[in-house]
Amino acid sequence: MSVTVLTDKTLQSFVDANPIAVIRFHAPWCGACKMFGPVFDSVAGQVQGISFAEINTDQQPVSSQYFRIQALPTTIIVKEGRVVDQHSGSMDPNRFANWLAKHITPQQQPQRGA
């Protein structure tokens, strides 16, 4: 699946429309964000039935304040409109896949080593 770019205005409708959403909060000046971006995009392309999105905290400050984002990158998992997990910092592909695996079905899990 592709990664949807969100704004403060589109975030709520995205969460409402997707039973499971994984959202990455980032900023263009953040080195760890630059490292994690390709990992996030790669894993998003391997997972079925989950929607992935990203939001630039510099351009969309209301969303980061709403979710109380204090470090970048921060990735959240939202199920049925409720945040069920949050991770601050970069992750390698295996760590990201393992973190996601706690919240998704085996059919949705990313292909390891892809």
PDB file of N, CA and C in Angstrom:
ATOM      1  N   MET A   1       0.842  -1.187   0.000  1.00  0.00           N
ATOM      2  CA  MET A   1       0.000   0.000   0.000  1.00  0.00           C
ATOM      3  C   MET A   1       0.881   1.242   0.000  1.00  0.00           C
ATOM      4  N   SER A   2       0.361   2.295  -0.546  1.00  0.00           N
ATOM      5  CA  SER A   2       1.114   3.536  -0.533  1.00  0.00           C
ATOM      6  C   SER A   2       0.874   4.277   0.784  1.00  0.00           C
ATOM      7  N   VAL A   3       1.718   5.257   1.037  1.00  0.00           N
ATOM      8  CA  VAL A   3       1.625   6.050   2.252  1.00  0.00           C
ATOM      9  C   VAL A   3       0.889   7.345   1.912  1.00  0.00           C
ATOM     10  N   THR A   4      -0.158   7.629   2.654  1.00  0.00           N
ATOM     11  CA  THR A   4      -0.950   8.840   2.466  1.00  0.00           C
ATOM     12  C   THR A   4      -0.318   9.992   3.233  1.00  0.00           C
ATOM     13  N   VAL A   5      -0.200  11.136   2.594  1.00  0.00           N
ATOM     14  CA  VAL A   5       0.307  12.333   3.255  1.00  0.00           C
ATOM     15  C   VAL A   5      -0.893  13.068   3.854  1.00  0.00           C
ATOM     16  N   LEU A   6      -0.848  13.270   5.175  1.00  0.00           N
ATOM     17  CA  LEU A   6      -1.970  13.886   5.879  1.00  0.00           C
ATOM     18  C   LEU A   6      -1.697  15.344   6.213  1.00  0.00           C
ATOM     19  N   THR A   7      -2.783  16.068   6.446  1.00  0.00           N
ATOM     20  CA  THR A   7      -2.723  17.434   6.957  1.00  0.00           C
ATOM     21  C   THR A   7      -3.568  17.483   8.227  1.00  0.00           C
ATOM     22  N   ASP A   8      -3.510  18.616   8.912  1.00  0.00           N
ATOM     23  CA  ASP A   8      -4.363  18.778  10.090  1.00  0.00           C
ATOM     24  C   ASP A   8      -5.836  18.597   9.725  1.00  0.00           C
ATOM     25  N   LYS A   9      -6.208  18.993   8.517  1.00  0.00           N
ATOM     26  CA  LYS A   9      -7.603  18.914   8.082  1.00  0.00           C
ATOM     27  C   LYS A   9      -8.018  17.507   7.664  1.00  0.00           C
ATOM     28  N   THR A  10      -7.074  16.677   7.215  1.00  0.00           N
ATOM     29  CA  THR A  10      -7.438  15.347   6.704  1.00  0.00           C
ATOM     30  C   THR A  10      -7.185  14.220   7.701  1.00  0.00           C
ATOM     31  N   LEU A  11      -6.492  14.497   8.777  1.00  0.00           N
ATOM     32  CA  LEU A  11      -6.129  13.444   9.730  1.00  0.00           C
ATOM     33  C   LEU A  11      -7.354  12.721  10.293  1.00  0.00           C
ATOM     34  N   GLN A  12      -8.324  13.462  10.801  1.00  0.00           N
ATOM     35  CA  GLN A  12      -9.479  12.822  11.441  1.00  0.00           C
ATOM     36  C   GLN A  12     -10.272  11.973  10.467  1.00  0.00           C
ATOM     37  N   SER A  13     -10.482  12.445   9.254  1.00  0.00           N
ATOM     38  CA  SER A  13     -11.243  11.645   8.286  1.00  0.00           C
ATOM     39  C   SER A  13     -10.466  10.389   7.900  1.00  0.00           C
ATOM     40  N   PHE A  14      -9.139  10.472   7.849  1.00  0.00           N
ATOM     41  CA  PHE A  14      -8.317   9.297   7.558  1.00  0.00           C
ATOM     42  C   PHE A  14      -8.468   8.258   8.670  1.00  0.00           C
ATOM     43  N   VAL A  15      -8.378   8.693   9.901  1.00  0.00           N
ATOM     44  CA  VAL A  15      -8.519   7.783  11.050  1.00  0.00           C
ATOM     45  C   VAL A  15      -9.920   7.176  11.064  1.00  0.00           C
ATOM     46  N   ASP A  16     -10.930   7.993  10.810  1.00  0.00           N
ATOM     47  CA  ASP A  16     -12.314   7.511  10.808  1.00  0.00           C
ATOM     48  C   ASP A  16     -12.560   6.484   9.706  1.00  0.00           C
ATOM     49  N   ALA A  17     -11.902   6.648   8.571  1.00  0.00           N
ATOM     50  CA  ALA A  17     -12.142   5.789   7.407  1.00  0.00           C
ATOM     51  C   ALA A  17     -11.353   4.484   7.438  1.00  0.00           C
ATOM     52  N   ASN A  18     -10.390   4.357   8.341  1.00  0.00           N
ATOM     53  CA  ASN A  18      -9.503   3.191   8.355  1.00  0.00           C
ATOM     54  C   ASN A  18      -9.513   2.512   9.713  1.00  0.00           C
ATOM     55  N   PRO A  19      -9.998   1.265   9.784  1.00  0.00           N
ATOM     56  CA  PRO A  19     -10.066   0.560  11.066  1.00  0.00           C
ATOM     57  C   PRO A  19      -8.705   0.432  11.758  1.00  0.00           C
ATOM     58  N   ILE A  20      -7.645   0.261  10.968  1.00  0.00           N
ATOM     59  CA  ILE A  20      -6.294   0.220  11.516  1.00  0.00           C
ATOM     60  C   ILE A  20      -5.435   1.174  10.694  1.00  0.00           C
ATOM     61  N   ALA A  21      -4.832   2.141  11.388  1.00  0.00           N
ATOM     62  CA  ALA A  21      -3.977   3.116  10.715  1.00  0.00           C
ATOM     63  C   ALA A  21      -2.646   3.213  11.446  1.00  0.00           C
ATOM     64  N   VAL A  22      -1.581   3.294  10.665  1.00  0.00           N
ATOM     65  CA  VAL A  22      -0.240   3.496  11.205  1.00  0.00           C
ATOM     66  C   VAL A  22       0.214   4.851  10.686  1.00  0.00           C
ATOM     67  N   ILE A  23       0.519   5.766  11.607  1.00  0.00           N
ATOM     68  CA  ILE A  23       0.837   7.138  11.229  1.00  0.00           C
ATOM     69  C   ILE A  23       2.215   7.511  11.754  1.00  0.00           C
ATOM     70  N   ARG A  24       3.040   8.024  10.836  1.00  0.00           N
ATOM     71  CA  ARG A  24       4.397   8.459  11.184  1.00  0.00           C
ATOM     72  C   ARG A  24       4.426   9.980  11.232  1.00  0.00           C
ATOM     73  N   PHE A  25       4.840  10.520  12.379  1.00  0.00           N
ATOM     74  CA  PHE A  25       5.033  11.958  12.548  1.00  0.00           C
ATOM     75  C   PHE A  25       6.515  12.246  12.335  1.00  0.00           C
ATOM     76  N   HIS A  26       6.811  13.212  11.472  1.00  0.00           N
ATOM     77  CA  HIS A  26       8.202  13.495  11.112  1.00  0.00           C
ATOM     78  C   HIS A  26       8.378  14.972  10.803  1.00  0.00           C
ATOM     79  N   ALA A  27       9.654  15.362  10.614  1.00  0.00           N
ATOM     80  CA  ALA A  27       9.987  16.719  10.182  1.00  0.00           C
ATOM     81  C   ALA A  27      11.172  16.634   9.225  1.00  0.00           C
ATOM     82  N   PRO A  28      11.269  17.551   8.277  1.00  0.00           N
ATOM     83  CA  PRO A  28      12.326  17.480   7.277  1.00  0.00           C
ATOM     84  C   PRO A  28      13.735  17.672   7.834  1.00  0.00           C
ATOM     85  N   TRP A  29      13.885  18.322   8.962  1.00  0.00           N
ATOM     86  CA  TRP A  29      15.197  18.572   9.554  1.00  0.00           C
ATOM     87  C   TRP A  29      15.674  17.423  10.447  1.00  0.00           C
ATOM     88  N   CYS A  30      14.835  16.450  10.692  1.00  0.00           N
ATOM     89  CA  CYS A  30      15.103  15.365  11.650  1.00  0.00           C
ATOM     90  C   CYS A  30      15.895  14.237  10.983  1.00  0.00           C
ATOM     91  N   GLY A  31      17.137  14.028  11.440  1.00  0.00           N
ATOM     92  CA  GLY A  31      17.982  12.983  10.867  1.00  0.00           C
ATOM     93  C   GLY A  31      17.411  11.584  11.042  1.00  0.00           C
ATOM     94  N   ALA A  32      16.904  11.280  12.230  1.00  0.00           N
ATOM     95  CA  ALA A  32      16.312   9.957  12.469  1.00  0.00           C
ATOM     96  C   ALA A  32      15.069   9.751  11.602  1.00  0.00           C
ATOM     97  N   CYS A  33      14.341  10.831  11.332  1.00  0.00           N
ATOM     98  CA  CYS A  33      13.164  10.747  10.454  1.00  0.00           C
ATOM     99  C   CYS A  33      13.588  10.377   9.040  1.00  0.00           C
ATOM    100  N   LYS A  34      14.679  10.968   8.599  1.00  0.00           N
ATOM    101  CA  LYS A  34      15.187  10.670   7.252  1.00  0.00           C
ATOM    102  C   LYS A  34      15.626   9.217   7.143  1.00  0.00           C
ATOM    103  N   MET A  35      16.178   8.656   8.226  1.00  0.00           N
ATOM    104  CA  MET A  35      16.587   7.247   8.215  1.00  0.00           C
ATOM    105  C   MET A  35      15.373   6.322   8.234  1.00  0.00           C
ATOM    106  N   PHE A  36      14.355   6.676   9.005  1.00  0.00           N
ATOM    107  CA  PHE A  36      13.196   5.806   9.178  1.00  0.00           C
ATOM    108  C   PHE A  36      12.202   5.896   8.021  1.00  0.00           C
ATOM    109  N   GLY A  37      12.157   7.012   7.313  1.00  0.00           N
ATOM    110  CA  GLY A  37      11.195   7.185   6.219  1.00  0.00           C
ATOM    111  C   GLY A  37      11.199   6.047   5.215  1.00  0.00           C
ATOM    112  N   PRO A  38      12.361   5.663   4.664  1.00  0.00           N
ATOM    113  CA  PRO A  38      12.377   4.553   3.703  1.00  0.00           C
ATOM    114  C   PRO A  38      11.949   3.217   4.304  1.00  0.00           C
ATOM    115  N   VAL A  39      12.253   2.999   5.570  1.00  0.00           N
ATOM    116  CA  VAL A  39      11.823   1.772   6.253  1.00  0.00           C
ATOM    117  C   VAL A  39      10.298   1.757   6.342  1.00  0.00           C
ATOM    118  N   PHE A  40       9.726   2.863   6.780  1.00  0.00           N
ATOM    119  CA  PHE A  40       8.269   2.989   6.896  1.00  0.00           C
ATOM    120  C   PHE A  40       7.605   2.732   5.551  1.00  0.00           C
ATOM    121  N   ASP A  41       8.123   3.384   4.506  1.00  0.00           N
ATOM    122  CA  ASP A  41       7.550   3.222   3.159  1.00  0.00           C
ATOM    123  C   ASP A  41       7.657   1.783   2.667  1.00  0.00           C
ATOM    124  N   SER A  42       8.792   1.146   2.921  1.00  0.00           N
ATOM    125  CA  SER A  42       9.004  -0.230   2.470  1.00  0.00           C
ATOM    126  C   SER A  42       8.041  -1.196   3.151  1.00  0.00           C
ATOM    127  N   VAL A  43       7.934  -1.094   4.459  1.00  0.00           N
ATOM    128  CA  VAL A  43       7.035  -1.989   5.198  1.00  0.00           C
ATOM    129  C   VAL A  43       5.587  -1.707   4.802  1.00  0.00           C
ATOM    130  N   ALA A  44       5.233  -0.437   4.610  1.00  0.00           N
ATOM    131  CA  ALA A  44       3.868  -0.094   4.185  1.00  0.00           C
ATOM    132  C   ALA A  44       3.521  -0.775   2.869  1.00  0.00           C
ATOM    133  N   GLY A  45       4.487  -0.923   2.003  1.00  0.00           N
ATOM    134  CA  GLY A  45       4.255  -1.573   0.721  1.00  0.00           C
ATOM    135  C   GLY A  45       4.088  -3.075   0.805  1.00  0.00           C
ATOM    136  N   GLN A  46       4.387  -3.657   1.962  1.00  0.00           N
ATOM    137  CA  GLN A  46       4.322  -5.104   2.134  1.00  0.00           C
ATOM    138  C   GLN A  46       3.117  -5.569   2.946  1.00  0.00           C
ATOM    139  N   VAL A  47       2.381  -4.655   3.540  1.00  0.00           N
ATOM    140  CA  VAL A  47       1.296  -4.998   4.458  1.00  0.00           C
ATOM    141  C   VAL A  47      -0.050  -4.756   3.782  1.00  0.00           C
ATOM    142  N   GLN A  48      -0.944  -5.705   3.923  1.00  0.00           N
ATOM    143  CA  GLN A  48      -2.290  -5.603   3.358  1.00  0.00           C
ATOM    144  C   GLN A  48      -3.306  -5.312   4.458  1.00  0.00           C
ATOM    145  N   GLY A  49      -4.319  -4.545   4.143  1.00  0.00           N
ATOM    146  CA  GLY A  49      -5.428  -4.340   5.069  1.00  0.00           C
ATOM    147  C   GLY A  49      -5.184  -3.321   6.161  1.00  0.00           C
ATOM    148  N   ILE A  50      -4.077  -2.597   6.090  1.00  0.00           N
ATOM    149  CA  ILE A  50      -3.766  -1.553   7.057  1.00  0.00           C
ATOM    150  C   ILE A  50      -3.398  -0.311   6.267  1.00  0.00           C
ATOM    151  N   SER A  51      -3.846   0.828   6.732  1.00  0.00           N
ATOM    152  CA  SER A  51      -3.540   2.078   6.047  1.00  0.00           C
ATOM    153  C   SER A  51      -2.368   2.770   6.729  1.00  0.00           C
ATOM    154  N   PHE A  52      -1.437   3.246   5.917  1.00  0.00           N
ATOM    155  CA  PHE A  52      -0.246   3.934   6.407  1.00  0.00           C
ATOM    156  C   PHE A  52      -0.301   5.386   5.974  1.00  0.00           C
ATOM    157  N   ALA A  53       0.136   6.267   6.868  1.00  0.00           N
ATOM    158  CA  ALA A  53       0.143   7.693   6.565  1.00  0.00           C
ATOM    159  C   ALA A  53       1.298   8.370   7.280  1.00  0.00           C
ATOM    160  N   GLU A  54       1.609   9.570   6.804  1.00  0.00           N
ATOM    161  CA  GLU A  54       2.646  10.367   7.448  1.00  0.00           C
ATOM    162  C   GLU A  54       2.172  11.803   7.546  1.00  0.00           C
ATOM    163  N   ILE A  55       2.726  12.502   8.535  1.00  0.00           N
ATOM    164  CA  ILE A  55       2.359  13.892   8.730  1.00  0.00           C
ATOM    165  C   ILE A  55       3.592  14.689   9.140  1.00  0.00           C
ATOM    166  N   ASN A  56       3.820  15.776   8.445  1.00  0.00           N
ATOM    167  CA  ASN A  56       4.947  16.657   8.711  1.00  0.00           C
ATOM    168  C   ASN A  56       4.563  17.576   9.869  1.00  0.00           C
ATOM    169  N   THR A  57       5.247  17.425  10.994  1.00  0.00           N
ATOM    170  CA  THR A  57       4.871  18.172  12.197  1.00  0.00           C
ATOM    171  C   THR A  57       5.167  19.662  12.085  1.00  0.00           C
ATOM    172  N   ASP A  58       6.124  20.044  11.248  1.00  0.00           N
ATOM    173  CA  ASP A  58       6.402  21.469  11.056  1.00  0.00           C
ATOM    174  C   ASP A  58       5.264  22.146  10.302  1.00  0.00           C
ATOM    175  N   GLN A  59       4.722  21.467   9.319  1.00  0.00           N
ATOM    176  CA  GLN A  59       3.657  22.040   8.500  1.00  0.00           C
ATOM    177  C   GLN A  59       2.267  21.831   9.109  1.00  0.00           C
ATOM    178  N   GLN A  60       2.137  20.837   9.973  1.00  0.00           N
ATOM    179  CA  GLN A  60       0.837  20.467  10.542  1.00  0.00           C
ATOM    180  C   GLN A  60       0.938  20.381  12.061  1.00  0.00           C
ATOM    181  N   PRO A  61       1.137  21.494  12.755  1.00  0.00           N
ATOM    182  CA  PRO A  61       1.381  21.450  14.203  1.00  0.00           C
ATOM    183  C   PRO A  61       0.182  21.036  15.054  1.00  0.00           C
ATOM    184  N   VAL A  62      -1.023  21.243  14.565  1.00  0.00           N
ATOM    185  CA  VAL A  62      -2.210  20.911  15.363  1.00  0.00           C
ATOM    186  C   VAL A  62      -2.282  19.408  15.628  1.00  0.00           C
ATOM    187  N   SER A  63      -2.001  18.613  14.610  1.00  0.00           N
ATOM    188  CA  SER A  63      -2.068  17.154  14.762  1.00  0.00           C
ATOM    189  C   SER A  63      -1.032  16.642  15.761  1.00  0.00           C
ATOM    190  N   SER A  64       0.175  17.167  15.689  1.00  0.00           N
ATOM    191  CA  SER A  64       1.206  16.705  16.620  1.00  0.00           C
ATOM    192  C   SER A  64       0.874  17.136  18.050  1.00  0.00           C
ATOM    193  N   GLN A  65       0.275  18.290  18.221  1.00  0.00           N
ATOM    194  CA  GLN A  65      -0.144  18.721  19.555  1.00  0.00           C
ATOM    195  C   GLN A  65      -1.280  17.836  20.070  1.00  0.00           C
ATOM    196  N   TYR A  66      -2.237  17.514  19.193  1.00  0.00           N
ATOM    197  CA  TYR A  66      -3.369  16.679  19.581  1.00  0.00           C
ATOM    198  C   TYR A  66      -2.899  15.316  20.097  1.00  0.00           C
ATOM    199  N   PHE A  67      -1.926  14.721  19.399  1.00  0.00           N
ATOM    200  CA  PHE A  67      -1.415  13.410  19.795  1.00  0.00           C
ATOM    201  C   PHE A  67      -0.254  13.497  20.785  1.00  0.00           C
ATOM    202  N   ARG A  68       0.059  14.715  21.234  1.00  0.00           N
ATOM    203  CA  ARG A  68       1.123  14.955  22.227  1.00  0.00           C
ATOM    204  C   ARG A  68       2.467  14.374  21.782  1.00  0.00           C
ATOM    205  N   ILE A  69       2.803  14.635  20.534  1.00  0.00           N
ATOM    206  CA  ILE A  69       4.069  14.162  19.988  1.00  0.00           C
ATOM    207  C   ILE A  69       5.187  15.023  20.566  1.00  0.00           C
ATOM    208  N   GLN A  70       6.149  14.384  21.226  1.00  0.00           N
ATOM    209  CA  GLN A  70       7.230  15.114  21.877  1.00  0.00           C
ATOM    210  C   GLN A  70       8.593  14.779  21.309  1.00  0.00           C
ATOM    211  N   ALA A  71       8.690  13.750  20.505  1.00  0.00           N
ATOM    212  CA  ALA A  71       9.961  13.344  19.902  1.00  0.00           C
ATOM    213  C   ALA A  71       9.685  12.901  18.472  1.00  0.00           C
ATOM    214  N   LEU A  72      10.702  13.017  17.637  1.00  0.00           N
ATOM    215  CA  LEU A  72      10.571  12.617  16.236  1.00  0.00           C
ATOM    216  C   LEU A  72      11.659  11.628  15.859  1.00  0.00           C
ATOM    217  N   PRO A  73      11.351  10.695  14.989  1.00  0.00           N
ATOM    218  CA  PRO A  73      10.012  10.393  14.512  1.00  0.00           C
ATOM    219  C   PRO A  73       9.200   9.680  15.592  1.00  0.00           C
ATOM    220  N   THR A  74       7.913   9.846  15.551  1.00  0.00           N
ATOM    221  CA  THR A  74       6.999   9.078  16.397  1.00  0.00           C
ATOM    222  C   THR A  74       6.002   8.396  15.474  1.00  0.00           C
ATOM    223  N   THR A  75       5.784   7.123  15.714  1.00  0.00           N
ATOM    224  CA  THR A  75       4.839   6.330  14.930  1.00  0.00           C
ATOM    225  C   THR A  75       3.754   5.840  15.862  1.00  0.00           C
ATOM    226  N   ILE A  76       2.502   5.998  15.455  1.00  0.00           N
ATOM    227  CA  ILE A  76       1.388   5.536  16.274  1.00  0.00           C
ATOM    228  C   ILE A  76       0.557   4.523  15.488  1.00  0.00           C
ATOM    229  N   ILE A  77      -0.076   3.632  16.225  1.00  0.00           N
ATOM    230  CA  ILE A  77      -1.047   2.702  15.654  1.00  0.00           C
ATOM    231  C   ILE A  77      -2.414   3.078  16.219  1.00  0.00           C
ATOM    232  N   VAL A  78      -3.358   3.320  15.320  1.00  0.00           N
ATOM    233  CA  VAL A  78      -4.713   3.698  15.709  1.00  0.00           C
ATOM    234  C   VAL A  78      -5.655   2.597  15.245  1.00  0.00           C
ATOM    235  N   LYS A  79      -6.411   2.052  16.191  1.00  0.00           N
ATOM    236  CA  LYS A  79      -7.434   1.045  15.880  1.00  0.00           C
ATOM    237  C   LYS A  79      -8.783   1.588  16.301  1.00  0.00           C
ATOM    238  N   GLU A  80      -9.709   1.564  15.346  1.00  0.00           N
ATOM    239  CA  GLU A  80     -11.075   2.023  15.622  1.00  0.00           C
ATOM    240  C   GLU A  80     -11.065   3.399  16.293  1.00  0.00           C
ATOM    241  N   GLY A  81     -10.177   4.280  15.839  1.00  0.00           N
ATOM    242  CA  GLY A  81     -10.124   5.644  16.337  1.00  0.00           C
ATOM    243  C   GLY A  81      -9.354   5.859  17.621  1.00  0.00           C
ATOM    244  N   ARG A  82      -8.757   4.801  18.176  1.00  0.00           N
ATOM    245  CA  ARG A  82      -8.057   4.910  19.458  1.00  0.00           C
ATOM    246  C   ARG A  82      -6.592   4.525  19.282  1.00  0.00           C
ATOM    247  N   VAL A  83      -5.695   5.336  19.840  1.00  0.00           N
ATOM    248  CA  VAL A  83      -4.264   5.012  19.790  1.00  0.00           C
ATOM    249  C   VAL A  83      -4.015   3.807  20.691  1.00  0.00           C
ATOM    250  N   VAL A  84      -3.471   2.734  20.100  1.00  0.00           N
ATOM    251  CA  VAL A  84      -3.214   1.517  20.868  1.00  0.00           C
ATOM    252  C   VAL A  84      -1.727   1.301  21.122  1.00  0.00           C
ATOM    253  N   ASP A  85      -0.874   2.006  20.381  1.00  0.00           N
ATOM    254  CA  ASP A  85       0.559   1.906  20.629  1.00  0.00           C
ATOM    255  C   ASP A  85       1.252   3.102  19.997  1.00  0.00           C
ATOM    256  N   GLN A  86       2.413   3.416  20.555  1.00  0.00           N
ATOM    257  CA  GLN A  86       3.189   4.548  20.074  1.00  0.00           C
ATOM    258  C   GLN A  86       4.665   4.230  20.264  1.00  0.00           C
ATOM    259  N   HIS A  87       5.472   4.592  19.271  1.00  0.00           N
ATOM    260  CA  HIS A  87       6.917   4.374  19.355  1.00  0.00           C
ATOM    261  C   HIS A  87       7.632   5.640  18.910  1.00  0.00           C
ATOM    262  N   SER A  88       8.552   6.116  19.716  1.00  0.00           N
ATOM    263  CA  SER A  88       9.370   7.269  19.350  1.00  0.00           C
ATOM    264  C   SER A  88      10.752   6.791  18.961  1.00  0.00           C
ATOM    265  N   GLY A  89      11.252   7.313  17.848  1.00  0.00           N
ATOM    266  CA  GLY A  89      12.577   6.957  17.368  1.00  0.00           C
ATOM    267  C   GLY A  89      12.498   6.110  16.106  1.00  0.00           C
ATOM    268  N   SER A  90      13.650   5.986  15.480  1.00  0.00           N
ATOM    269  CA  SER A  90      13.768   5.199  14.259  1.00  0.00           C
ATOM    270  C   SER A  90      13.753   3.708  14.589  1.00  0.00           C
ATOM    271  N   MET A  91      13.361   2.898  13.625  1.00  0.00           N
ATOM    272  CA  MET A  91      13.407   1.439  13.763  1.00  0.00           C
ATOM    273  C   MET A  91      13.960   0.858  12.468  1.00  0.00           C
ATOM    274  N   ASP A  92      14.684  -0.266  12.597  1.00  0.00           N
ATOM    275  CA  ASP A  92      15.104  -0.969  11.383  1.00  0.00           C
ATOM    276  C   ASP A  92      13.904  -1.793  10.900  1.00  0.00           C
ATOM    277  N   PRO A  93      13.962  -2.340   9.677  1.00  0.00           N
ATOM    278  CA  PRO A  93      12.790  -3.048   9.142  1.00  0.00           C
ATOM    279  C   PRO A  93      12.276  -4.187  10.023  1.00  0.00           C
ATOM    280  N   ASN A  94      13.172  -4.978  10.587  1.00  0.00           N
ATOM    281  CA  ASN A  94      12.716  -6.097  11.428  1.00  0.00           C
ATOM    282  C   ASN A  94      12.061  -5.614  12.711  1.00  0.00           C
ATOM    283  N   ARG A  95      12.646  -4.607  13.327  1.00  0.00           N
ATOM    284  CA  ARG A  95      12.055  -4.086  14.563  1.00  0.00           C
ATOM    285  C   ARG A  95      10.691  -3.469  14.280  1.00  0.00           C
ATOM    286  N   PHE A  96      10.575  -2.724  13.182  1.00  0.00           N
ATOM    287  CA  PHE A  96       9.293  -2.125  12.820  1.00  0.00           C
ATOM    288  C   PHE A  96       8.259  -3.212  12.544  1.00  0.00           C
ATOM    289  N   ALA A  97       8.625  -4.226  11.800  1.00  0.00           N
ATOM    290  CA  ALA A  97       7.704  -5.330  11.497  1.00  0.00           C
ATOM    291  C   ALA A  97       7.279  -6.052  12.774  1.00  0.00           C
ATOM    292  N   ASN A  98       8.210  -6.274  13.690  1.00  0.00           N
ATOM    293  CA  ASN A  98       7.872  -6.931  14.964  1.00  0.00           C
ATOM    294  C   ASN A  98       6.934  -6.063  15.795  1.00  0.00           C
ATOM    295  N   TRP A  99       7.174  -4.769  15.798  1.00  0.00           N
ATOM    296  CA  TRP A  99       6.312  -3.849  16.545  1.00  0.00           C
ATOM    297  C   TRP A  99       4.898  -3.886  15.972  1.00  0.00           C
ATOM    298  N   LEU A 100       4.786  -3.857  14.646  1.00  0.00           N
ATOM    299  CA  LEU A 100       3.472  -3.926  14.006  1.00  0.00           C
ATOM    300  C   LEU A 100       2.776  -5.260  14.260  1.00  0.00           C
ATOM    301  N   ALA A 101       3.549  -6.338  14.271  1.00  0.00           N
ATOM    302  CA  ALA A 101       2.992  -7.693  14.389  1.00  0.00           C
ATOM    303  C   ALA A 101       2.168  -7.880  15.655  1.00  0.00           C
ATOM    304  N   LYS A 102       2.445  -7.100  16.675  1.00  0.00           N
ATOM    305  CA  LYS A 102       1.673  -7.197  17.925  1.00  0.00           C
ATOM    306  C   LYS A 102       0.229  -6.746  17.740  1.00  0.00           C
ATOM    307  N   HIS A 103      -0.051  -6.039  16.649  1.00  0.00           N
ATOM    308  CA  HIS A 103      -1.364  -5.416  16.486  1.00  0.00           C
ATOM    309  C   HIS A 103      -2.113  -5.848  15.236  1.00  0.00           C
ATOM    310  N   ILE A 104      -1.545  -6.752  14.458  1.00  0.00           N
ATOM    311  CA  ILE A 104      -2.183  -7.133  13.205  1.00  0.00           C
ATOM    312  C   ILE A 104      -2.291  -8.649  13.089  1.00  0.00           C
ATOM    313  N   THR A 105      -3.130  -9.093  12.172  1.00  0.00           N
ATOM    314  CA  THR A 105      -3.312 -10.526  11.968  1.00  0.00           C
ATOM    315  C   THR A 105      -2.138 -11.099  11.170  1.00  0.00           C
ATOM    316  N   PRO A 106      -1.921 -12.398  11.229  1.00  0.00           N
ATOM    317  CA  PRO A 106      -0.833 -13.001  10.443  1.00  0.00           C
ATOM    318  C   PRO A 106      -0.944 -12.713   8.945  1.00  0.00           C
ATOM    319  N   GLN A 107      -2.156 -12.616   8.411  1.00  0.00           N
ATOM    320  CA  GLN A 107      -2.337 -12.344   6.984  1.00  0.00           C
ATOM    321  C   GLN A 107      -1.875 -10.936   6.604  1.00  0.00           C
ATOM    322  N   GLN A 108      -1.891 -10.031   7.560  1.00  0.00           N
ATOM    323  CA  GLN A 108      -1.513  -8.653   7.292  1.00  0.00           C
ATOM    324  C   GLN A 108      -0.013  -8.408   7.460  1.00  0.00           C
ATOM    325  N   GLN A 109       0.695  -9.326   8.101  1.00  0.00           N
ATOM    326  CA  GLN A 109       2.092  -9.085   8.450  1.00  0.00           C
ATOM    327  C   GLN A 109       2.972  -8.954   7.217  1.00  0.00           C
ATOM    328  N   PRO A 110       3.987  -8.073   7.320  1.00  0.00           N
ATOM    329  CA  PRO A 110       4.890  -7.881   6.177  1.00  0.00           C
ATOM    330  C   PRO A 110       5.712  -9.116   5.891  1.00  0.00           C
ATOM    331  N   GLN A 111       6.105  -9.250   4.645  1.00  0.00           N
ATOM    332  CA  GLN A 111       6.980 -10.348   4.239  1.00  0.00           C
ATOM    333  C   GLN A 111       8.380 -10.049   4.728  1.00  0.00           C
ATOM    334  N   ARG A 112       8.938 -10.910   5.545  1.00  0.00           N
ATOM    335  CA  ARG A 112      10.281 -10.696   6.082  1.00  0.00           C
ATOM    336  C   ARG A 112      11.311 -10.852   4.987  1.00  0.00           C
ATOM    337  N   GLY A 113      12.297  -9.965   5.042  1.00  0.00           N
ATOM    338  CA  GLY A 113      13.398 -10.050   4.104  1.00  0.00           C
ATOM    339  C   GLY A 113      13.082  -9.502   2.735  1.00  0.00           C
ATOM    340  N   ALA A 114      11.903  -8.910   2.551  1.00  0.00           N
ATOM    341  CA  ALA A 114      11.525  -8.368   1.233  1.00  0.00           C
ATOM    342  C   ALA A 114      12.066  -6.970   1.059  1.00  0.00           C
TER     343      ALA A 114
END
